[in-house]
Amino acid sequence: MDDIWDYIVAELQNPVAAGKVIDRIMETVDALESFPSQAPPFPPPTRTGISATWSAAAT
């Protein structure tokens, strides 16, 4: 969170936006604690997909 804040303040020169972004992230995290099923689960990573992508990129 600190890195997000620092980036927005330093690179974008917008501390107001940084505060809003951090507040929004925290609100979303708090909501997920109460209602975890409101966010879709991520599919588990497949080793085959990663290996195939890496092999293609390495050649």
PDB file of N, CA and C in Angstrom:
ATOM      1  N   MET A   1       0.823  -1.175   0.000  1.00  0.00           N
ATOM      2  CA  MET A   1       0.000   0.000   0.000  1.00  0.00           C
ATOM      3  C   MET A   1       0.875   1.250   0.000  1.00  0.00           C
ATOM      4  N   ASP A   2       1.954   1.180   0.758  1.00  0.00           N
ATOM      5  CA  ASP A   2       2.854   2.333   0.805  1.00  0.00           C
ATOM      6  C   ASP A   2       3.449   2.617  -0.570  1.00  0.00           C
ATOM      7  N   ASP A   3       3.781   1.553  -1.299  1.00  0.00           N
ATOM      8  CA  ASP A   3       4.358   1.738  -2.630  1.00  0.00           C
ATOM      9  C   ASP A   3       3.349   2.372  -3.590  1.00  0.00           C
ATOM     10  N   ILE A   4       2.096   1.973  -3.473  1.00  0.00           N
ATOM     11  CA  ILE A   4       1.042   2.563  -4.308  1.00  0.00           C
ATOM     12  C   ILE A   4       0.920   4.053  -3.989  1.00  0.00           C
ATOM     13  N   TRP A   5       0.820   4.353  -2.698  1.00  0.00           N
ATOM     14  CA  TRP A   5       0.725   5.747  -2.252  1.00  0.00           C
ATOM     15  C   TRP A   5       1.925   6.554  -2.766  1.00  0.00           C
ATOM     16  N   ASP A   6       3.124   6.019  -2.537  1.00  0.00           N
ATOM     17  CA  ASP A   6       4.347   6.725  -2.933  1.00  0.00           C
ATOM     18  C   ASP A   6       4.388   7.004  -4.433  1.00  0.00           C
ATOM     19  N   TYR A   7       3.994   6.007  -5.215  1.00  0.00           N
ATOM     20  CA  TYR A   7       4.015   6.177  -6.675  1.00  0.00           C
ATOM     21  C   TYR A   7       3.075   7.300  -7.109  1.00  0.00           C
ATOM     22  N   ILE A   8       1.843   7.268  -6.615  1.00  0.00           N
ATOM     23  CA  ILE A   8       0.866   8.272  -7.036  1.00  0.00           C
ATOM     24  C   ILE A   8       1.303   9.674  -6.602  1.00  0.00           C
ATOM     25  N   VAL A   9       1.810   9.778  -5.388  1.00  0.00           N
ATOM     26  CA  VAL A   9       2.249  11.087  -4.897  1.00  0.00           C
ATOM     27  C   VAL A   9       3.491  11.575  -5.652  1.00  0.00           C
ATOM     28  N   ALA A  10       4.485  10.707  -5.806  1.00  0.00           N
ATOM     29  CA  ALA A  10       5.748  11.127  -6.407  1.00  0.00           C
ATOM     30  C   ALA A  10       5.672  11.262  -7.927  1.00  0.00           C
ATOM     31  N   GLU A  11       5.160  10.244  -8.591  1.00  0.00           N
ATOM     32  CA  GLU A  11       5.177  10.231 -10.054  1.00  0.00           C
ATOM     33  C   GLU A  11       4.028  11.022 -10.670  1.00  0.00           C
ATOM     34  N   LEU A  12       2.866  10.954 -10.041  1.00  0.00           N
ATOM     35  CA  LEU A  12       1.700  11.629 -10.600  1.00  0.00           C
ATOM     36  C   LEU A  12       1.424  12.974  -9.936  1.00  0.00           C
ATOM     37  N   GLN A  13       2.179  13.257  -8.866  1.00  0.00           N
ATOM     38  CA  GLN A  13       2.039  14.530  -8.154  1.00  0.00           C
ATOM     39  C   GLN A  13       0.591  14.792  -7.729  1.00  0.00           C
ATOM     40  N   ASN A  14      -0.046  13.740  -7.142  1.00  0.00           N
ATOM     41  CA  ASN A  14      -1.453  13.878  -6.795  1.00  0.00           C
ATOM     42  C   ASN A  14      -1.755  13.175  -5.476  1.00  0.00           C
ATOM     43  N   PRO A  15      -1.474  13.815  -4.344  1.00  0.00           N
ATOM     44  CA  PRO A  15      -1.741  13.184  -3.047  1.00  0.00           C
ATOM     45  C   PRO A  15      -3.224  12.970  -2.774  1.00  0.00           C
ATOM     46  N   VAL A  16      -4.085  13.795  -3.343  1.00  0.00           N
ATOM     47  CA  VAL A  16      -5.530  13.605  -3.154  1.00  0.00           C
ATOM     48  C   VAL A  16      -5.960  12.296  -3.813  1.00  0.00           C
ATOM     49  N   ALA A  17      -5.508  12.070  -5.039  1.00  0.00           N
ATOM     50  CA  ALA A  17      -5.833  10.819  -5.731  1.00  0.00           C
ATOM     51  C   ALA A  17      -5.242   9.629  -4.990  1.00  0.00           C
ATOM     52  N   ALA A  18      -4.038   9.787  -4.453  1.00  0.00           N
ATOM     53  CA  ALA A  18      -3.414   8.692  -3.706  1.00  0.00           C
ATOM     54  C   ALA A  18      -4.292   8.297  -2.531  1.00  0.00           C
ATOM     55  N   GLY A  19      -4.797   9.266  -1.804  1.00  0.00           N
ATOM     56  CA  GLY A  19      -5.678   8.981  -0.675  1.00  0.00           C
ATOM     57  C   GLY A  19      -6.950   8.283  -1.110  1.00  0.00           C
ATOM     58  N   LYS A  20      -7.521   8.722  -2.228  1.00  0.00           N
ATOM     59  CA  LYS A  20      -8.757   8.105  -2.730  1.00  0.00           C
ATOM     60  C   LYS A  20      -8.524   6.665  -3.165  1.00  0.00           C
ATOM     61  N   VAL A  21      -7.404   6.417  -3.821  1.00  0.00           N
ATOM     62  CA  VAL A  21      -7.090   5.055  -4.278  1.00  0.00           C
ATOM     63  C   VAL A  21      -6.906   4.131  -3.076  1.00  0.00           C
ATOM     64  N   ILE A  22      -6.153   4.576  -2.085  1.00  0.00           N
ATOM     65  CA  ILE A  22      -5.928   3.750  -0.899  1.00  0.00           C
ATOM     66  C   ILE A  22      -7.239   3.506  -0.166  1.00  0.00           C
ATOM     67  N   ASP A  23      -8.066   4.536  -0.043  1.00  0.00           N
ATOM     68  CA  ASP A  23      -9.378   4.366   0.607  1.00  0.00           C
ATOM     69  C   ASP A  23     -10.227   3.344  -0.139  1.00  0.00           C
ATOM     70  N   ARG A  24     -10.223   3.415  -1.455  1.00  0.00           N
ATOM     71  CA  ARG A  24     -11.029   2.486  -2.268  1.00  0.00           C
ATOM     72  C   ARG A  24     -10.528   1.047  -2.117  1.00  0.00           C
ATOM     73  N   ILE A  25      -9.233   0.876  -2.106  1.00  0.00           N
ATOM     74  CA  ILE A  25      -8.680  -0.467  -1.913  1.00  0.00           C
ATOM     75  C   ILE A  25      -9.088  -1.010  -0.554  1.00  0.00           C
ATOM     76  N   MET A  26      -8.963  -0.188   0.479  1.00  0.00           N
ATOM     77  CA  MET A  26      -9.309  -0.632   1.835  1.00  0.00           C
ATOM     78  C   MET A  26     -10.798  -0.945   1.957  1.00  0.00           C
ATOM     79  N   GLU A  27     -11.657  -0.150   1.324  1.00  0.00           N
ATOM     80  CA  GLU A  27     -13.093  -0.426   1.335  1.00  0.00           C
ATOM     81  C   GLU A  27     -13.391  -1.768   0.666  1.00  0.00           C
ATOM     82  N   THR A  28     -12.718  -2.043  -0.424  1.00  0.00           N
ATOM     83  CA  THR A  28     -12.925  -3.304  -1.139  1.00  0.00           C
ATOM     84  C   THR A  28     -12.450  -4.491  -0.309  1.00  0.00           C
ATOM     85  N   VAL A  29     -11.309  -4.356   0.329  1.00  0.00           N
ATOM     86  CA  VAL A  29     -10.787  -5.426   1.188  1.00  0.00           C
ATOM     87  C   VAL A  29     -11.740  -5.671   2.347  1.00  0.00           C
ATOM     88  N   ASP A  30     -12.219  -4.598   2.967  1.00  0.00           N
ATOM     89  CA  ASP A  30     -13.168  -4.745   4.077  1.00  0.00           C
ATOM     90  C   ASP A  30     -14.438  -5.444   3.630  1.00  0.00           C
ATOM     91  N   ALA A  31     -14.936  -5.104   2.452  1.00  0.00           N
ATOM     92  CA  ALA A  31     -16.149  -5.742   1.937  1.00  0.00           C
ATOM     93  C   ALA A  31     -15.908  -7.226   1.676  1.00  0.00           C
ATOM     94  N   LEU A  32     -14.742  -7.574   1.162  1.00  0.00           N
ATOM     95  CA  LEU A  32     -14.436  -8.982   0.899  1.00  0.00           C
ATOM     96  C   LEU A  32     -14.316  -9.793   2.183  1.00  0.00           C
ATOM     97  N   GLU A  33     -13.888  -9.149   3.272  1.00  0.00           N
ATOM     98  CA  GLU A  33     -13.837  -9.858   4.554  1.00  0.00           C
ATOM     99  C   GLU A  33     -15.235 -10.261   4.992  1.00  0.00           C
ATOM    100  N   SER A  34     -16.208  -9.388   4.761  1.00  0.00           N
ATOM    101  CA  SER A  34     -17.584  -9.676   5.162  1.00  0.00           C
ATOM    102  C   SER A  34     -18.310 -10.579   4.168  1.00  0.00           C
ATOM    103  N   PHE A  35     -18.027 -10.392   2.892  1.00  0.00           N
ATOM    104  CA  PHE A  35     -18.719 -11.143   1.845  1.00  0.00           C
ATOM    105  C   PHE A  35     -17.712 -11.694   0.840  1.00  0.00           C
ATOM    106  N   PRO A  36     -16.943 -12.716   1.214  1.00  0.00           N
ATOM    107  CA  PRO A  36     -15.883 -13.212   0.328  1.00  0.00           C
ATOM    108  C   PRO A  36     -16.386 -13.771  -0.999  1.00  0.00           C
ATOM    109  N   SER A  37     -17.633 -14.194  -1.052  1.00  0.00           N
ATOM    110  CA  SER A  37     -18.137 -14.781  -2.292  1.00  0.00           C
ATOM    111  C   SER A  37     -18.503 -13.729  -3.333  1.00  0.00           C
ATOM    112  N   GLN A  38     -18.395 -12.446  -3.014  1.00  0.00           N
ATOM    113  CA  GLN A  38     -18.728 -11.425  -4.006  1.00  0.00           C
ATOM    114  C   GLN A  38     -17.651 -11.287  -5.080  1.00  0.00           C
ATOM    115  N   ALA A  39     -16.483 -11.831  -4.837  1.00  0.00           N
ATOM    116  CA  ALA A  39     -15.425 -11.803  -5.834  1.00  0.00           C
ATOM    117  C   ALA A  39     -15.253 -13.205  -6.412  1.00  0.00           C
ATOM    118  N   PRO A  40     -15.118 -13.310  -7.730  1.00  0.00           N
ATOM    119  CA  PRO A  40     -14.937 -14.644  -8.307  1.00  0.00           C
ATOM    120  C   PRO A  40     -13.563 -15.199  -7.934  1.00  0.00           C
ATOM    121  N   PRO A  41     -13.488 -16.512  -7.697  1.00  0.00           N
ATOM    122  CA  PRO A  41     -12.187 -17.109  -7.374  1.00  0.00           C
ATOM    123  C   PRO A  41     -11.297 -17.143  -8.614  1.00  0.00           C
ATOM    124  N   PHE A  42     -10.013 -17.061  -8.388  1.00  0.00           N
ATOM    125  CA  PHE A  42      -9.070 -17.197  -9.482  1.00  0.00           C
ATOM    126  C   PHE A  42      -8.872 -18.669  -9.765  1.00  0.00           C
ATOM    127  N   PRO A  43      -8.776 -19.038 -11.039  1.00  0.00           N
ATOM    128  CA  PRO A  43      -8.487 -20.444 -11.327  1.00  0.00           C
ATOM    129  C   PRO A  43      -7.064 -20.770 -10.896  1.00  0.00           C
ATOM    130  N   PRO A  44      -6.826 -21.990 -10.455  1.00  0.00           N
ATOM    131  CA  PRO A  44      -5.463 -22.351 -10.050  1.00  0.00           C
ATOM    132  C   PRO A  44      -4.536 -22.312 -11.255  1.00  0.00           C
ATOM    133  N   PRO A  45      -3.299 -21.868 -11.055  1.00  0.00           N
ATOM    134  CA  PRO A  45      -2.365 -21.847 -12.190  1.00  0.00           C
ATOM    135  C   PRO A  45      -2.028 -23.260 -12.623  1.00  0.00           C
ATOM    136  N   THR A  46      -1.810 -23.423 -13.906  1.00  0.00           N
ATOM    137  CA  THR A  46      -1.435 -24.740 -14.418  1.00  0.00           C
ATOM    138  C   THR A  46       0.030 -24.708 -14.804  1.00  0.00           C
ATOM    139  N   ARG A  47       0.727 -25.688 -14.356  1.00  0.00           N
ATOM    140  CA  ARG A  47       2.164 -25.761 -14.653  1.00  0.00           C
ATOM    141  C   ARG A  47       2.384 -25.916 -16.149  1.00  0.00           C
ATOM    142  N   THR A  48       1.504 -26.646 -16.816  1.00  0.00           N
ATOM    143  CA  THR A  48       1.641 -26.863 -18.255  1.00  0.00           C
ATOM    144  C   THR A  48       1.577 -25.540 -18.995  1.00  0.00           C
ATOM    145  N   GLY A  49       0.607 -24.680 -18.618  1.00  0.00           N
ATOM    146  CA  GLY A  49       0.468 -23.386 -19.286  1.00  0.00           C
ATOM    147  C   GLY A  49       1.688 -22.520 -19.088  1.00  0.00           C
ATOM    148  N   ILE A  50       2.235 -22.526 -17.902  1.00  0.00           N
ATOM    149  CA  ILE A  50       3.412 -21.713 -17.623  1.00  0.00           C
ATOM    150  C   ILE A  50       4.605 -22.258 -18.397  1.00  0.00           C
ATOM    151  N   SER A  51       4.780 -23.573 -18.369  1.00  0.00           N
ATOM    152  CA  SER A  51       5.914 -24.182 -19.073  1.00  0.00           C
ATOM    153  C   SER A  51       5.823 -23.943 -20.574  1.00  0.00           C
ATOM    154  N   ALA A  52       4.624 -24.078 -21.128  1.00  0.00           N
ATOM    155  CA  ALA A  52       4.456 -23.897 -22.565  1.00  0.00           C
ATOM    156  C   ALA A  52       4.771 -22.456 -22.951  1.00  0.00           C
ATOM    157  N   THR A  53       4.321 -21.513 -22.155  1.00  0.00           N
ATOM    158  CA  THR A  53       4.584 -20.102 -22.446  1.00  0.00           C
ATOM    159  C   THR A  53       6.073 -19.816 -22.332  1.00  0.00           C
ATOM    160  N   TRP A  54       6.699 -20.318 -21.288  1.00  0.00           N
ATOM    161  CA  TRP A  54       8.116 -20.088 -21.099  1.00  0.00           C
ATOM    162  C   TRP A  54       8.931 -20.715 -22.221  1.00  0.00           C
ATOM    163  N   SER A  55       8.567 -21.940 -22.617  1.00  0.00           N
ATOM    164  CA  SER A  55       9.306 -22.623 -23.668  1.00  0.00           C
ATOM    165  C   SER A  55       9.201 -21.862 -24.987  1.00  0.00           C
ATOM    166  N   ALA A  56       8.021 -21.357 -25.280  1.00  0.00           N
ATOM    167  CA  ALA A  56       7.836 -20.619 -26.541  1.00  0.00           C
ATOM    168  C   ALA A  56       8.628 -19.321 -26.521  1.00  0.00           C
ATOM    169  N   ALA A  57       8.658 -18.656 -25.365  1.00  0.00           N
ATOM    170  CA  ALA A  57       9.390 -17.398 -25.259  1.00  0.00           C
ATOM    171  C   ALA A  57      10.898 -17.613 -25.273  1.00  0.00           C
ATOM    172  N   ALA A  58      11.349 -18.746 -24.799  1.00  0.00           N
ATOM    173  CA  ALA A  58      12.786 -19.013 -24.697  1.00  0.00           C
ATOM    174  C   ALA A  58      13.399 -19.408 -26.042  1.00  0.00           C
ATOM    175  N   THR A  59      12.559 -19.836 -26.976  1.00  0.00           N
ATOM    176  CA  THR A  59      13.107 -20.285 -28.256  1.00  0.00           C
ATOM    177  C   THR A  59      13.256 -19.174 -29.253  1.00  0.00           C
TER     178      THR A  59
END
